[in-house]
């Protein structure tokens, strides 16, 4: 897992997600393996009162000849609440 958070709400998330993806990819490449993202999250605005831009990825390094290499298993995190009223 790699996570980064900015110290302020400015200038927003910017290239932070790209930076952590590149960092994870470089880590896997240094081991001679392929990079696969399992989960990705970003903080949502407004960026005030300690809610500063934050990006996080969960990833794994897999052998380049792994048969599962071509089947990503990304799962979208829930982004809403469903309420049933009686």
Protein backbone atom coordinates (compact mmCIF):
# COMPACT_ATOMS: atom_id res chain seq x y z
CA UNK A 1 0.00 0.00 0.00
CA UNK A 2 1.17 3.51 -0.74
CA UNK A 3 -0.61 6.61 0.55
CA UNK A 4 0.25 10.30 0.30
CA UNK A 5 -1.41 13.35 1.79
CA UNK A 6 -0.71 16.99 1.10
CA UNK A 7 -0.04 19.39 3.96
CA UNK A 8 -2.70 21.86 2.77
CA UNK A 9 -5.83 21.89 0.64
CA UNK A 10 -4.04 23.69 -2.16
CA UNK A 11 -3.55 22.96 -5.04
CA UNK A 12 -5.84 19.92 -4.72
CA UNK A 13 -4.99 16.29 -5.48
CA UNK A 14 -3.08 17.18 -8.66
CA UNK A 15 -0.56 14.58 -9.72
CA UNK A 16 -0.47 12.78 -6.38
CA UNK A 17 -2.31 9.67 -7.65
CA UNK A 18 0.02 9.43 -10.65
CA UNK A 19 3.05 9.74 -8.37
CA UNK A 20 2.01 6.85 -6.12
CA UNK A 21 1.10 4.66 -9.11
CA UNK A 22 4.55 5.34 -10.61
CA UNK A 23 6.17 4.57 -7.24
CA UNK A 24 4.34 1.23 -6.94
CA UNK A 25 5.11 0.32 -10.53
CA UNK A 26 8.81 1.10 -10.02
CA UNK A 27 8.84 -1.05 -6.86
CA UNK A 28 7.43 -4.04 -8.75
CA UNK A 29 9.72 -3.48 -11.74
CA UNK A 30 12.75 -3.50 -9.42
CA UNK A 31 11.71 -7.05 -8.44
CA UNK A 32 11.18 -8.10 -12.08
CA UNK A 33 7.44 -8.34 -11.51
CA UNK A 34 4.28 -6.73 -12.87
CA UNK A 35 2.31 -4.10 -10.98
CA UNK A 36 -1.40 -4.59 -10.32
CA UNK A 37 -3.68 -2.15 -8.50
CA UNK A 38 -6.17 -3.83 -6.18
CA UNK A 39 -7.90 -0.76 -4.77
CA UNK A 40 -7.63 3.01 -5.12
CA UNK A 41 -9.08 5.76 -2.92
CA UNK A 42 -8.96 9.55 -2.90
CA UNK A 43 -10.24 12.08 -0.39
CA UNK A 44 -13.13 14.23 -1.53
CA UNK A 45 -13.48 18.02 -1.27
CA UNK A 46 -13.96 20.34 0.49
CA UNK A 47 -10.28 20.33 1.47
CA UNK A 48 -10.58 22.14 4.81
CA UNK A 49 -10.19 21.43 8.53
CA UNK A 50 -7.70 18.58 8.15
CA UNK A 51 -9.41 16.95 5.16
CA UNK A 52 -6.45 17.54 2.87
CA UNK A 53 -6.02 15.87 -0.52
CA UNK A 54 -5.05 12.22 0.02
CA UNK A 55 -4.56 9.37 -2.43
CA UNK A 56 -4.04 5.73 -1.55
CA UNK A 57 -3.48 2.60 -3.62
CA UNK A 58 -3.35 -1.01 -2.59
CA UNK A 59 -1.35 -3.07 -5.04
CA UNK A 60 0.51 -6.30 -5.50
CA UNK A 61 3.56 -7.35 -7.47
CA UNK A 62 2.97 -10.52 -9.47
CA UNK A 63 5.29 -12.61 -11.64
CA UNK A 64 5.14 -11.53 -15.28
CA UNK A 65 4.23 -15.08 -16.34
CA UNK A 66 1.38 -15.39 -13.80
CA UNK A 67 -1.75 -16.65 -15.66
CA UNK A 68 -3.88 -14.31 -13.55
CA UNK A 69 -1.89 -11.31 -14.80
CA UNK A 70 -4.42 -10.37 -17.49
CA UNK A 71 -7.51 -10.47 -15.26
CA UNK A 72 -7.64 -7.41 -13.01
CA UNK A 73 -9.80 -7.71 -9.92
CA UNK A 74 -10.67 -4.08 -9.24
CA UNK A 75 -13.59 -3.53 -6.93
CA UNK A 76 -15.24 -0.13 -6.70
CA UNK A 77 -15.71 1.12 -3.17
CA UNK A 78 -19.28 2.04 -2.21
CA UNK A 79 -19.96 5.73 -2.74
CA UNK A 80 -23.47 6.12 -1.37
CA UNK A 81 -25.82 5.07 1.36
CA UNK A 82 -29.12 3.38 0.62
CA UNK A 83 -31.74 3.90 3.29
CA UNK A 84 -35.00 1.99 3.46
CA UNK A 85 -37.76 3.73 5.39
CA UNK A 86 -40.87 1.94 6.61
